[in-house]
Protein backbone atom coordinates (compact mmCIF):
# COMPACT_ATOMS: atom_id res chain seq x y z
CA MET A 1 -132.31 -154.14 83.92
CA ASN A 2 -135.16 -153.37 87.16
CA ARG A 3 -137.73 -151.08 87.27
CA THR A 4 -135.59 -148.65 89.37
CA ALA A 5 -132.20 -148.73 86.60
CA ARG A 6 -134.13 -147.58 83.94
CA LEU A 7 -135.73 -144.93 86.05
CA GLY A 8 -132.48 -143.99 86.69
CA LEU A 9 -131.62 -144.08 83.66
CA PHE A 10 -134.36 -142.13 82.14
CA ILE A 11 -133.53 -139.44 85.07
CA ILE A 12 -129.70 -139.33 83.46
CA GLY A 13 -130.79 -138.88 80.05
CA ALA A 14 -133.59 -136.47 80.98
CA LEU A 15 -130.75 -134.04 83.17
CA ALA A 16 -128.25 -134.69 79.99
CA VAL A 17 -130.92 -133.21 77.59
CA LEU A 18 -132.00 -130.33 80.23
CA PHE A 19 -127.91 -129.48 80.87
CA ALA A 20 -127.25 -129.73 76.97
CA GLY A 21 -130.27 -127.55 76.37
CA ILE A 22 -129.41 -124.79 79.16
CA PHE A 23 -125.77 -124.61 77.62
CA LEU A 24 -126.74 -124.19 73.90
CA ILE A 25 -128.76 -121.67 74.90
CA GLY A 26 -126.40 -119.91 77.52
CA ARG A 27 -123.96 -120.31 74.76
CA LYS A 28 -126.22 -118.00 71.85
CA ASP A 29 -127.21 -115.87 74.46
CA PHE A 30 -123.59 -115.76 75.29
CA LEU A 31 -124.56 -116.37 79.50
CA PHE A 32 -121.40 -117.58 79.95
CA SER A 33 -119.01 -115.08 78.63
CA HIS A 34 -118.04 -111.84 79.67
CA THR A 35 -120.07 -109.30 78.46
CA TYR A 36 -120.69 -105.49 78.62
CA HIS A 37 -123.84 -103.51 77.07
CA LEU A 38 -124.30 -100.68 74.61
CA ARG A 39 -127.42 -98.17 73.91
CA SER A 40 -128.55 -97.29 70.17
CA GLU A 41 -131.71 -94.78 69.58
CA PHE A 42 -133.81 -95.24 66.30
CA ASP A 43 -136.66 -93.50 65.28
CA ASN A 44 -138.33 -96.73 64.28
CA VAL A 45 -136.91 -100.03 64.95
CA ALA A 46 -138.35 -101.54 61.38
CA GLY A 47 -139.90 -104.83 63.47
CA LEU A 48 -136.85 -105.73 65.77
CA GLN A 49 -137.49 -108.23 68.63
CA ASN A 50 -135.81 -108.50 71.20
CA GLY A 51 -132.70 -111.62 71.30
CA ALA A 52 -132.51 -110.73 67.95
CA GLU A 53 -128.59 -111.32 66.89
CA VAL A 54 -126.11 -108.63 66.92
CA ARG A 55 -123.19 -108.65 65.00
CA VAL A 56 -119.90 -107.44 64.44
CA GLY A 57 -118.35 -107.66 60.90
CA GLY A 58 -120.71 -110.48 60.26
CA VAL A 59 -120.08 -112.15 63.27
CA HIS A 60 -122.83 -113.35 66.47
CA VAL A 61 -121.27 -111.27 68.77
CA GLY A 62 -124.57 -110.55 70.55
CA THR A 63 -127.69 -110.11 71.46
CA VAL A 64 -131.10 -107.22 71.02
CA GLU A 65 -131.29 -107.58 75.69
CA GLY A 66 -133.90 -104.55 75.75
CA ILE A 67 -135.94 -102.15 73.32
CA HIS A 68 -137.48 -99.30 75.66
CA MET A 69 -140.19 -97.26 73.59
CA PRO A 70 -139.58 -92.88 74.50
CA GLU A 71 -140.88 -91.82 78.01
CA LYS A 72 -142.73 -88.56 75.62
CA ALA A 73 -143.62 -88.23 71.99
CA GLY A 74 -140.89 -87.11 69.73
CA GLY A 75 -138.52 -89.08 71.39
CA LYS A 76 -136.20 -92.08 70.10
CA VAL A 77 -136.50 -96.13 70.89
CA ALA A 78 -134.04 -96.47 72.42
CA VAL A 79 -132.52 -100.53 72.08
CA VAL A 80 -130.07 -102.26 74.53
CA MET A 81 -127.20 -105.00 73.10
CA ASN A 82 -125.31 -107.10 75.21
CA LEU A 83 -122.10 -107.83 73.85
CA GLU A 84 -119.15 -109.91 74.39
CA SER A 85 -116.00 -107.94 76.08
CA SER A 86 -113.58 -108.92 73.08
CA THR A 87 -115.47 -106.59 70.22
CA ARG A 88 -113.99 -103.83 73.08
CA LYS A 89 -111.12 -104.23 70.55
CA VAL A 90 -112.66 -103.31 67.39
CA LEU A 91 -115.44 -101.36 68.52
CA LYS A 92 -115.00 -97.39 69.14
CA LYS A 93 -116.99 -93.83 69.83
CA ASP A 94 -117.99 -93.09 66.75
CA SER A 95 -118.70 -96.95 65.43
CA ILE A 96 -122.74 -97.13 64.18
CA ALA A 97 -125.53 -99.39 64.47
CA SER A 98 -128.44 -100.60 61.50
CA ILE A 99 -130.80 -102.66 61.39
CA GLN A 100 -130.39 -105.45 58.91
CA THR A 101 -133.19 -107.88 57.52
CA GLU A 102 -131.86 -111.40 56.56
CA GLY A 103 -132.56 -111.77 52.71
CA LEU A 104 -135.68 -109.59 51.51
CA LEU A 105 -138.36 -110.53 53.91
CA GLY A 106 -136.25 -112.20 56.72
CA ASN A 107 -135.29 -111.75 60.62
CA LYS A 108 -134.15 -108.35 61.17
CA TYR A 109 -131.00 -108.01 63.52
CA LEU A 110 -128.18 -105.33 64.46
CA THR A 111 -125.22 -104.72 62.67
CA VAL A 112 -121.96 -102.94 64.71
CA SER A 113 -120.15 -101.28 62.35
CA PHE A 114 -116.02 -101.70 63.21
CA GLY A 115 -114.68 -97.96 64.74
CA SER A 116 -111.49 -95.85 63.10
CA PRO A 117 -108.61 -96.73 64.89
CA ASN A 118 -108.13 -93.23 66.30
CA SER A 119 -111.60 -92.71 68.26
CA GLN A 120 -112.30 -93.09 72.41
CA ALA A 121 -112.82 -96.85 73.42
CA ILE A 122 -116.40 -97.76 74.38
CA HIS A 123 -117.49 -97.84 78.01
CA GLU A 124 -120.32 -100.17 79.71
CA ASP A 125 -123.86 -98.23 78.52
CA ASP A 126 -122.49 -95.86 76.29
CA THR A 127 -124.55 -94.75 73.22
CA ILE A 128 -123.32 -95.25 69.66
CA ARG A 129 -125.18 -93.42 66.90
CA SER A 130 -127.36 -95.17 64.30
CA GLU A 131 -128.84 -95.35 61.05
CA ARG A 132 -132.34 -95.21 59.70
CA PRO A 133 -133.18 -98.57 58.55
CA LEU A 134 -135.17 -98.92 55.09
CA ASP A 135 -137.98 -100.80 55.50
CA PHE A 136 -139.99 -103.50 52.99
CA SER A 137 -142.83 -100.70 53.31
CA ASP A 138 -140.24 -97.67 51.94
CA LEU A 139 -139.32 -100.32 49.07
CA LEU A 140 -142.68 -100.82 47.96
CA LYS A 141 -143.74 -96.82 48.00
CA LYS A 142 -140.21 -96.36 46.10
CA SER A 143 -141.21 -99.23 43.35
CA ASP A 144 -144.48 -97.35 42.89
CA GLN A 145 -143.29 -93.99 42.96
CA VAL A 146 -140.91 -94.81 40.02
CA LEU A 147 -143.22 -97.68 37.98
CA ASP A 148 -146.22 -93.70 37.87
CA THR A 149 -142.84 -91.86 37.01
CA THR A 150 -141.47 -93.90 34.08
CA ASN A 151 -145.81 -94.95 33.25
CA ALA A 152 -146.05 -91.16 32.62
CA ALA A 153 -142.32 -90.99 30.30
CA LEU A 154 -143.63 -93.26 28.33
CA ARG A 155 -147.16 -91.49 27.97
CA ASN A 156 -145.13 -88.67 27.55
CA VAL A 157 -142.65 -90.66 24.58
CA GLU A 158 -146.52 -92.02 23.25
CA ASP A 159 -148.00 -88.39 22.80
CA THR A 160 -144.63 -86.84 21.14
CA THR A 161 -143.83 -89.57 18.65
CA GLY A 162 -147.49 -89.18 17.76
CA ASN A 163 -147.17 -85.20 17.30
CA LEU A 164 -143.43 -85.78 15.17
CA LYS A 165 -145.44 -88.37 12.95
CA SER A 166 -148.66 -85.41 12.38
CA ILE A 167 -145.62 -82.87 11.38
CA ALA A 168 -144.14 -85.22 9.53
CA ASP A 169 -146.80 -86.18 7.12
CA LYS A 170 -147.59 -82.53 6.94
CA VAL A 171 -144.22 -82.40 5.38
CA ASP A 172 -144.21 -85.45 3.05
CA LYS A 173 -147.51 -83.99 2.12
CA GLY A 174 -146.27 -79.90 1.40
CA GLN A 175 -148.40 -78.53 4.13
CA GLY A 176 -147.07 -75.21 6.02
CA THR A 177 -143.81 -73.69 5.29
CA LEU A 178 -141.45 -76.93 5.69
CA GLY A 179 -143.15 -78.50 3.88
CA THR A 180 -143.46 -76.06 0.96
CA LEU A 181 -139.61 -75.12 0.96
CA ILE A 182 -138.70 -78.81 1.35
CA ASN A 183 -141.08 -80.57 -1.36
CA ASP A 184 -140.46 -77.39 -3.74
CA LYS A 185 -137.13 -77.43 -4.91
CA HIS A 186 -137.47 -73.91 -6.66
CA MET A 187 -138.34 -72.27 -3.51
CA TYR A 188 -135.60 -73.52 -1.50
CA GLN A 189 -133.24 -72.38 -3.92
CA GLN A 190 -134.57 -68.62 -4.28
CA ALA A 191 -134.90 -68.53 0.23
CA ASN A 192 -131.52 -70.24 0.09
CA GLN A 193 -130.21 -67.87 -2.97
CA ALA A 194 -131.57 -64.60 -0.69
CA ALA A 195 -129.92 -65.59 2.83
CA THR A 196 -126.53 -66.20 1.21
CA SER A 197 -127.27 -62.53 -0.86
CA MET A 198 -127.89 -60.84 2.28
CA ALA A 199 -125.31 -61.98 4.58
CA GLU A 200 -122.78 -61.20 0.69
CA ASN A 201 -124.10 -57.49 1.20
CA MET A 202 -123.47 -56.99 4.92
CA GLU A 203 -119.62 -58.22 4.63
CA ALA A 204 -119.21 -55.86 1.60
CA LEU A 205 -121.22 -52.63 3.39
CA LYS A 206 -118.51 -53.22 6.22
CA GLY A 207 -115.46 -52.94 3.94
CA ASN A 208 -116.81 -50.37 1.74
CA TRP A 209 -116.19 -46.58 3.59
CA LEU A 210 -119.51 -45.43 3.29
CA PHE A 211 -120.06 -47.66 6.16
CA HIS A 212 -117.29 -48.92 7.65
CA GLY A 213 -117.60 -45.58 9.77
CA PHE A 214 -121.06 -46.94 11.34
CA PHE A 215 -120.12 -50.18 12.43
CA LYS A 216 -116.00 -49.03 13.85
CA ASP A 217 -118.02 -46.33 15.87
CA ARG A 218 -120.01 -48.95 17.74
CA GLY A 219 -116.62 -50.77 18.34
CA TYR A 220 -116.73 -53.81 16.07
CA THR A 221 -116.64 -54.43 12.61
CA ASP A 222 -117.74 -57.62 13.07
CA GLN A 223 -120.78 -59.31 15.04
CA GLY A 224 -118.02 -62.24 16.16
CA GLU A 225 -116.09 -60.27 18.32
CA LEU A 226 -118.80 -59.52 20.75
CA ALA A 227 -119.38 -63.08 21.10
CA LYS A 228 -116.38 -64.18 22.03
CA ASN A 229 -116.04 -63.06 25.56
CA GLU A 230 -119.71 -62.56 26.76
CA LEU A 231 -120.87 -64.48 29.73
CA THR A 232 -124.73 -64.53 29.76
CA LYS A 233 -125.05 -65.27 33.71
CA VAL A 234 -122.60 -65.03 36.59
CA PRO A 235 -121.55 -68.94 37.88
CA SER A 236 -123.70 -70.20 41.21
CA GLY A 237 -121.02 -69.58 44.18
CA TYR A 238 -119.26 -66.58 42.83
CA SER A 239 -120.28 -63.66 45.54
CA ALA A 240 -119.52 -60.01 44.46
CA GLN A 241 -116.87 -58.26 45.97
CA GLN A 242 -116.70 -54.64 44.92
CA LYS A 243 -118.75 -52.44 42.06
CA PHE A 244 -118.26 -49.74 39.89
CA VAL A 245 -120.90 -47.78 38.04
CA VAL A 246 -120.06 -44.90 35.11
CA ARG A 247 -122.48 -43.14 33.45
CA THR A 248 -121.88 -44.11 29.33
CA LYS A 249 -122.11 -40.19 28.96
CA ASP A 250 -118.64 -40.11 30.83
CA VAL A 251 -116.71 -42.76 28.89
CA PHE A 252 -117.55 -41.98 25.66
CA ASP A 253 -118.63 -38.97 23.28
CA ASP A 254 -120.76 -40.37 22.12
CA PRO A 255 -123.64 -42.58 24.20
CA ASN A 256 -125.17 -43.79 21.22
CA HIS A 257 -121.81 -45.33 19.58
CA ALA A 258 -118.56 -47.61 21.29
CA ASP A 259 -116.08 -45.25 20.89
CA ILE A 260 -114.51 -44.71 24.35
CA LYS A 261 -112.84 -41.29 24.36
CA HIS A 262 -112.90 -40.33 28.22
CA GLU A 263 -110.29 -42.99 29.16
CA LYS A 264 -109.48 -41.65 33.02
CA LYS A 265 -112.99 -42.50 34.05
CA LEU A 266 -111.47 -45.97 33.62
CA GLU A 267 -108.90 -46.01 35.48
CA SER A 268 -109.52 -46.22 38.92
CA VAL A 269 -111.30 -49.41 37.92
CA GLY A 270 -107.87 -51.01 36.22
CA LYS A 271 -105.88 -49.67 38.95
CA ALA A 272 -108.20 -51.69 41.22
CA LEU A 273 -108.22 -54.46 38.89
CA GLU A 274 -104.33 -54.73 38.95
CA GLY A 275 -103.81 -55.30 42.76
CA LYS A 276 -107.69 -57.59 43.23
CA ASP A 277 -107.32 -61.90 43.09
CA PHE A 278 -110.62 -62.40 41.87
CA LYS A 279 -112.72 -65.36 39.89
CA LEU A 280 -114.19 -63.14 37.42
CA VAL A 281 -114.88 -60.08 36.16
CA MET A 282 -118.37 -58.75 34.80
CA VAL A 283 -118.37 -55.82 32.49
CA GLU A 284 -122.47 -55.21 32.27
CA ALA A 285 -123.90 -52.61 29.53
CA PHE A 286 -127.36 -50.96 30.33
CA ARG A 287 -129.35 -48.49 27.97
CA GLY A 288 -132.39 -46.29 28.00
CA VAL A 289 -134.99 -46.84 26.37
CA GLU A 290 -135.08 -44.20 23.85
CA GLY A 291 -134.05 -45.61 20.24
CA SER A 292 -135.07 -48.91 18.93
CA LYS A 293 -134.72 -52.26 21.03
CA ASP A 294 -132.08 -53.89 18.69
CA VAL A 295 -129.95 -51.23 18.19
CA ASN A 296 -130.10 -50.48 21.93
CA LEU A 297 -129.25 -53.98 22.27
CA GLN A 298 -126.36 -54.26 19.74
CA LEU A 299 -125.02 -50.81 21.81
CA SER A 300 -124.85 -52.18 25.06
CA ARG A 301 -123.09 -55.17 23.57
CA ALA A 302 -120.56 -53.26 21.74
CA GLN A 303 -119.97 -50.29 24.43
CA ALA A 304 -119.65 -53.40 26.89
CA PHE A 305 -116.93 -55.24 24.67
CA ALA A 306 -115.04 -51.80 24.64
CA VAL A 307 -114.50 -51.08 28.06
CA ARG A 308 -113.45 -54.28 28.30
CA ASN A 309 -110.50 -54.21 25.11
CA TYR A 310 -109.38 -50.87 27.24
CA LEU A 311 -109.25 -52.11 30.81
CA VAL A 312 -107.43 -55.81 29.56
CA ASN A 313 -105.23 -53.50 26.91
CA HIS A 314 -104.02 -51.38 29.48
CA PHE A 315 -103.58 -53.32 32.97
CA LYS A 316 -102.10 -56.14 33.78
CA ILE A 317 -104.98 -57.98 34.29
CA ASP A 318 -106.18 -61.46 33.65
CA ASP A 319 -108.04 -60.88 30.10
CA THR A 320 -109.19 -64.99 30.37
CA ARG A 321 -111.67 -63.84 33.08
CA VAL A 322 -112.88 -60.30 32.05
CA LYS A 323 -116.59 -61.39 30.55
CA THR A 324 -119.34 -59.26 28.82
CA LYS A 325 -122.41 -58.50 28.55
CA GLY A 326 -125.02 -56.45 26.92
CA ASN A 327 -128.25 -56.05 29.08
CA GLY A 328 -129.68 -54.10 26.24
CA GLU A 329 -132.89 -51.75 27.21
CA THR A 330 -133.87 -50.87 31.46
CA LYS A 331 -137.23 -50.08 32.12
CA SER A 332 -135.63 -46.62 33.65
CA ASN A 333 -135.35 -43.60 31.43
CA ASP A 334 -133.84 -41.78 33.92
CA GLU A 335 -129.88 -39.74 33.51
CA ASN A 336 -128.41 -43.58 35.24
CA ALA A 337 -130.27 -45.87 32.82
CA ASP A 338 -127.58 -45.46 30.43
CA ARG A 339 -124.62 -46.62 32.45
CA ILE A 340 -121.44 -49.07 32.35
CA GLU A 341 -121.03 -51.54 35.44
CA ILE A 342 -117.88 -53.36 35.71
CA VAL A 343 -118.17 -56.08 39.02
CA ILE A 344 -115.51 -57.74 40.59
CA TYR A 345 -116.27 -61.42 42.00
CA GLY A 346 -114.46 -63.65 44.44
């Protein structure tokens, strides 16, 4: 083969390699396909480069054609995508673009979610929503925070364990009240007998006719009755629709007792509740500062209990939604300090 033929073959081979390269690059960048453009805006593109892959459903269907900085501070970075026309069938106005990473530290690529079937079709140069990318630096910061929290928790556990060990040692040695009770069986038996005797005496007093009236006048003969429908706090999300306020002396014959004498003062409240669609009714009793603090607390509980019982027994009301609360003493000592509040919550 002469020199001219060899030169011709070399040129033909070089052209073949060139055309193959152009074909492969053009195929990757969709130079020989029908395409269209979409945009999406990000606060931070997290290292995404021009020419990066665009995937839909995990399939390479386009490339990132351009990344443009915002024109002013506070703007967003615009990413322009060049996509195959076939993706118009699955991409819609509500599709979302997000930046992903190959593995943990691989190349960045853009993925676009399928749109919903009933959403509007996309058009050339439409802008779709985006999701904030999770950068590797963010993961490191969160990992540091988790480690710091874990270390603090471990230190707290160690401190608590040390305190418990110290307490256990003192109890074993018979130090302190608890240690004495546990280690001294005679003292423990005396304390147990005293507590049992006191409870029995209180129950006996309730049954004794001399003291029966003391408890009955306060609206209860058993502490357990007061707690059945008590509620310490209104659940969040409940809003007050209506409130009734009546003075204690207008309902009870004696403000220091829980025996209702003037039922008419509560009739308007009961009728209002019958016609209401409510979630909760709170019956709260308040006392002034006169008298013992403990007695005032028990009286307020008993008075709220008595008002609730009257309402649920005389009117058609869902009694499971009527709760009580005894607030005891209030700071005010005026004539409105002793009062009953009935609040309807929706």
